[in-house]
Amino acid sequence: MDKEFFIYLFLGLITLLFIMNHFSIRLVEVSQEKKNKYRTIFNYFYGLLFLFIGVRRIYFNENIYLGVFFAVSSITFLILNFLGKFNIKSS
């Protein structure tokens, strides 16, 4: 059972890497404005994920200090993303 699990896990990771590589190669041909839009959506997802991790750590009393750090840093990340500080200016 353990050997089969690791084989499927390895094959799943390889498949995920191939899919990510395919989409990253396709993004080379996309305009900078569209890349900024995709980056903004990704950053919102990333910030919300870290906010969820921080709130979960605080709520379940796992590690209060680390939870507060995750929550504060993710809120800062979301505010900076909202203000457009992570977007590359196209010239």
N, C-alpha and C. Protein backbone atom coordinates (compact mmCIF):
# COMPACT_ATOMS: atom_id res chain seq x y z
N MET A 1 0.82 -1.19 0.00
CA MET A 1 0.00 0.00 0.00
C MET A 1 0.86 1.25 0.00
N ASP A 2 1.90 1.27 0.82
CA ASP A 2 2.76 2.45 0.89
C ASP A 2 3.51 2.68 -0.41
N LYS A 3 3.95 1.59 -1.04
CA LYS A 3 4.70 1.72 -2.28
C LYS A 3 3.78 2.26 -3.38
N GLU A 4 2.55 1.79 -3.45
CA GLU A 4 1.60 2.28 -4.46
C GLU A 4 1.27 3.74 -4.22
N PHE A 5 1.12 4.12 -2.98
CA PHE A 5 0.80 5.52 -2.66
C PHE A 5 1.90 6.45 -3.14
N PHE A 6 3.15 6.10 -2.88
CA PHE A 6 4.25 6.96 -3.30
C PHE A 6 4.41 6.98 -4.81
N ILE A 7 4.11 5.88 -5.48
CA ILE A 7 4.16 5.87 -6.95
C ILE A 7 3.10 6.80 -7.51
N TYR A 8 1.86 6.72 -7.01
CA TYR A 8 0.80 7.61 -7.48
C TYR A 8 1.08 9.07 -7.12
N LEU A 9 1.64 9.28 -5.95
CA LEU A 9 2.00 10.64 -5.56
C LEU A 9 3.06 11.21 -6.49
N PHE A 10 4.07 10.42 -6.80
CA PHE A 10 5.14 10.85 -7.71
C PHE A 10 4.59 11.13 -9.10
N LEU A 11 3.73 10.25 -9.61
CA LEU A 11 3.15 10.46 -10.93
C LEU A 11 2.24 11.69 -10.95
N GLY A 12 1.52 11.91 -9.87
CA GLY A 12 0.68 13.09 -9.77
C GLY A 12 1.50 14.37 -9.76
N LEU A 13 2.62 14.37 -9.04
CA LEU A 13 3.48 15.54 -9.01
C LEU A 13 4.12 15.81 -10.37
N ILE A 14 4.54 14.76 -11.04
CA ILE A 14 5.12 14.92 -12.38
C ILE A 14 4.07 15.48 -13.34
N THR A 15 2.83 14.99 -13.26
CA THR A 15 1.76 15.50 -14.11
C THR A 15 1.49 16.96 -13.80
N LEU A 16 1.47 17.33 -12.53
CA LEU A 16 1.26 18.72 -12.14
C LEU A 16 2.37 19.61 -12.67
N LEU A 17 3.61 19.16 -12.62
CA LEU A 17 4.72 19.93 -13.15
C LEU A 17 4.62 20.12 -14.66
N PHE A 18 4.20 19.07 -15.38
CA PHE A 18 4.02 19.20 -16.82
C PHE A 18 2.93 20.21 -17.16
N ILE A 19 1.84 20.19 -16.41
CA ILE A 19 0.75 21.14 -16.66
C ILE A 19 1.20 22.56 -16.36
N MET A 20 1.91 22.75 -15.25
CA MET A 20 2.41 24.08 -14.91
C MET A 20 3.40 24.59 -15.95
N ASN A 21 4.26 23.71 -16.45
CA ASN A 21 5.23 24.09 -17.48
C ASN A 21 4.52 24.48 -18.76
N HIS A 22 3.48 23.75 -19.12
CA HIS A 22 2.73 24.04 -20.33
C HIS A 22 2.12 25.44 -20.26
N PHE A 23 1.49 25.78 -19.13
CA PHE A 23 0.86 27.08 -19.01
C PHE A 23 1.89 28.21 -18.87
N SER A 24 3.02 27.93 -18.26
CA SER A 24 4.04 28.99 -18.16
C SER A 24 4.66 29.28 -19.52
N ILE A 25 4.81 28.28 -20.36
CA ILE A 25 5.31 28.51 -21.72
C ILE A 25 4.30 29.30 -22.53
N ARG A 26 3.02 29.02 -22.36
CA ARG A 26 1.98 29.76 -23.08
C ARG A 26 1.90 31.21 -22.63
N LEU A 27 2.26 31.50 -21.39
CA LEU A 27 2.18 32.88 -20.89
C LEU A 27 3.26 33.78 -21.46
N VAL A 28 4.28 33.21 -22.10
CA VAL A 28 5.33 34.03 -22.69
C VAL A 28 4.75 34.89 -23.81
N GLU A 29 3.77 34.36 -24.53
CA GLU A 29 3.20 35.06 -25.68
C GLU A 29 2.08 36.03 -25.31
N VAL A 30 1.70 36.11 -24.04
CA VAL A 30 0.58 36.93 -23.60
C VAL A 30 1.08 38.36 -23.32
N SER A 31 0.20 39.35 -23.52
CA SER A 31 0.58 40.74 -23.29
C SER A 31 0.82 41.00 -21.80
N GLN A 32 1.54 42.10 -21.54
CA GLN A 32 1.91 42.43 -20.16
C GLN A 32 0.69 42.78 -19.32
N GLU A 33 -0.33 43.39 -19.91
CA GLU A 33 -1.53 43.73 -19.16
C GLU A 33 -2.25 42.48 -18.67
N LYS A 34 -2.30 41.48 -19.54
CA LYS A 34 -2.96 40.23 -19.16
C LYS A 34 -2.15 39.49 -18.09
N LYS A 35 -0.81 39.56 -18.19
CA LYS A 35 0.03 38.95 -17.16
C LYS A 35 -0.19 39.63 -15.81
N ASN A 36 -0.33 40.96 -15.83
CA ASN A 36 -0.60 41.68 -14.58
C ASN A 36 -1.94 41.27 -13.99
N LYS A 37 -2.93 41.04 -14.84
CA LYS A 37 -4.24 40.61 -14.35
C LYS A 37 -4.13 39.22 -13.70
N TYR A 38 -3.44 38.30 -14.37
CA TYR A 38 -3.25 36.96 -13.80
C TYR A 38 -2.46 37.02 -12.50
N ARG A 39 -1.43 37.87 -12.46
CA ARG A 39 -0.61 38.00 -11.26
C ARG A 39 -1.44 38.55 -10.10
N THR A 40 -2.33 39.52 -10.39
CA THR A 40 -3.18 40.09 -9.36
C THR A 40 -4.13 39.05 -8.78
N ILE A 41 -4.74 38.26 -9.65
CA ILE A 41 -5.65 37.21 -9.19
C ILE A 41 -4.89 36.19 -8.35
N PHE A 42 -3.70 35.79 -8.80
CA PHE A 42 -2.88 34.84 -8.04
C PHE A 42 -2.50 35.41 -6.69
N ASN A 43 -2.13 36.69 -6.64
CA ASN A 43 -1.74 37.30 -5.37
C ASN A 43 -2.91 37.40 -4.40
N TYR A 44 -4.12 37.67 -4.91
CA TYR A 44 -5.29 37.67 -4.02
C TYR A 44 -5.52 36.28 -3.44
N PHE A 45 -5.42 35.25 -4.27
CA PHE A 45 -5.59 33.88 -3.79
C PHE A 45 -4.53 33.55 -2.75
N TYR A 46 -3.29 33.93 -3.03
CA TYR A 46 -2.17 33.65 -2.13
C TYR A 46 -2.37 34.36 -0.78
N GLY A 47 -2.80 35.62 -0.82
CA GLY A 47 -3.03 36.36 0.41
C GLY A 47 -4.17 35.79 1.23
N LEU A 48 -5.25 35.40 0.55
CA LEU A 48 -6.38 34.80 1.27
C LEU A 48 -6.02 33.44 1.86
N LEU A 49 -5.18 32.69 1.16
CA LEU A 49 -4.72 31.39 1.69
C LEU A 49 -3.93 31.60 2.98
N PHE A 50 -3.00 32.56 2.98
CA PHE A 50 -2.22 32.81 4.18
C PHE A 50 -3.08 33.39 5.31
N LEU A 51 -4.07 34.18 4.96
CA LEU A 51 -4.99 34.69 5.98
C LEU A 51 -5.77 33.55 6.61
N PHE A 52 -6.23 32.61 5.79
CA PHE A 52 -6.93 31.44 6.32
C PHE A 52 -6.02 30.61 7.23
N ILE A 53 -4.77 30.43 6.84
CA ILE A 53 -3.82 29.67 7.67
C ILE A 53 -3.61 30.37 9.00
N GLY A 54 -3.44 31.70 8.97
CA GLY A 54 -3.22 32.46 10.20
C GLY A 54 -4.42 32.41 11.13
N VAL A 55 -5.62 32.59 10.58
CA VAL A 55 -6.83 32.55 11.42
C VAL A 55 -7.05 31.16 11.99
N ARG A 56 -6.75 30.14 11.19
CA ARG A 56 -6.90 28.76 11.68
C ARG A 56 -5.93 28.48 12.82
N ARG A 57 -4.70 28.97 12.71
CA ARG A 57 -3.72 28.77 13.78
C ARG A 57 -4.14 29.51 15.06
N ILE A 58 -4.70 30.69 14.91
CA ILE A 58 -5.17 31.43 16.08
C ILE A 58 -6.39 30.75 16.69
N TYR A 59 -7.33 30.33 15.86
CA TYR A 59 -8.58 29.76 16.35
C TYR A 59 -8.36 28.43 17.09
N PHE A 60 -7.48 27.59 16.56
CA PHE A 60 -7.26 26.28 17.19
C PHE A 60 -6.11 26.29 18.19
N ASN A 61 -5.61 27.48 18.53
CA ASN A 61 -4.55 27.64 19.53
C ASN A 61 -3.31 26.80 19.23
N GLU A 62 -2.98 26.68 17.95
CA GLU A 62 -1.79 25.91 17.60
C GLU A 62 -0.53 26.70 17.93
N ASN A 63 -0.43 27.89 17.37
CA ASN A 63 0.70 28.77 17.65
C ASN A 63 0.20 30.19 17.43
N ILE A 64 -0.11 30.88 18.50
CA ILE A 64 -0.74 32.19 18.42
C ILE A 64 0.16 33.20 17.71
N TYR A 65 1.44 33.22 18.06
CA TYR A 65 2.35 34.21 17.49
C TYR A 65 2.54 34.00 15.99
N LEU A 66 2.68 32.77 15.58
CA LEU A 66 2.82 32.49 14.15
C LEU A 66 1.52 32.79 13.41
N GLY A 67 0.39 32.50 14.04
CA GLY A 67 -0.90 32.82 13.44
C GLY A 67 -1.10 34.31 13.24
N VAL A 68 -0.71 35.09 14.26
CA VAL A 68 -0.82 36.55 14.14
C VAL A 68 0.13 37.06 13.05
N PHE A 69 1.33 36.48 12.98
CA PHE A 69 2.27 36.86 11.93
C PHE A 69 1.70 36.58 10.55
N PHE A 70 1.12 35.39 10.35
CA PHE A 70 0.51 35.05 9.06
C PHE A 70 -0.65 35.99 8.74
N ALA A 71 -1.49 36.26 9.72
CA ALA A 71 -2.66 37.11 9.48
C ALA A 71 -2.24 38.54 9.13
N VAL A 72 -1.33 39.10 9.89
CA VAL A 72 -0.91 40.48 9.64
C VAL A 72 -0.16 40.59 8.31
N SER A 73 0.74 39.65 8.04
CA SER A 73 1.48 39.72 6.78
C SER A 73 0.56 39.51 5.58
N SER A 74 -0.44 38.64 5.70
CA SER A 74 -1.34 38.42 4.57
C SER A 74 -2.25 39.63 4.35
N ILE A 75 -2.68 40.29 5.42
CA ILE A 75 -3.49 41.50 5.26
C ILE A 75 -2.65 42.60 4.60
N THR A 76 -1.39 42.72 5.00
CA THR A 76 -0.49 43.68 4.36
C THR A 76 -0.30 43.34 2.90
N PHE A 77 -0.13 42.07 2.60
CA PHE A 77 0.04 41.60 1.22
C PHE A 77 -1.20 41.92 0.39
N LEU A 78 -2.39 41.68 0.95
CA LEU A 78 -3.63 41.97 0.23
C LEU A 78 -3.81 43.47 -0.01
N ILE A 79 -3.46 44.31 0.96
CA ILE A 79 -3.58 45.76 0.79
C ILE A 79 -2.62 46.25 -0.28
N LEU A 80 -1.37 45.77 -0.25
CA LEU A 80 -0.41 46.17 -1.28
C LEU A 80 -0.84 45.70 -2.66
N ASN A 81 -1.43 44.54 -2.73
CA ASN A 81 -1.94 44.04 -4.01
C ASN A 81 -3.09 44.89 -4.50
N PHE A 82 -3.97 45.30 -3.60
CA PHE A 82 -5.10 46.15 -3.96
C PHE A 82 -4.62 47.51 -4.47
N LEU A 83 -3.56 48.05 -3.86
CA LEU A 83 -3.03 49.33 -4.28
C LEU A 83 -2.20 49.23 -5.56
N GLY A 84 -1.91 48.02 -6.02
CA GLY A 84 -1.20 47.83 -7.27
C GLY A 84 0.31 47.93 -7.16
N LYS A 85 0.85 47.67 -6.00
CA LYS A 85 2.29 47.79 -5.80
C LYS A 85 3.08 46.61 -6.38
N PHE A 86 2.41 45.51 -6.71
CA PHE A 86 3.09 44.33 -7.23
C PHE A 86 3.06 44.25 -8.75
N ASN A 87 2.33 45.15 -9.40
CA ASN A 87 2.21 45.10 -10.85
C ASN A 87 3.40 45.80 -11.51
N ILE A 88 3.89 45.19 -12.58
CA ILE A 88 4.99 45.76 -13.34
C ILE A 88 4.40 46.79 -14.30
N LYS A 89 4.98 47.96 -14.32
CA LYS A 89 4.49 49.00 -15.22
C LYS A 89 4.97 48.70 -16.64
N SER A 90 4.04 48.70 -17.57
CA SER A 90 4.40 48.47 -18.97
C SER A 90 4.74 49.81 -19.62
N SER A 91 5.79 49.80 -20.40
CA SER A 91 6.22 51.07 -21.03
C SER A 91 6.13 50.99 -22.54
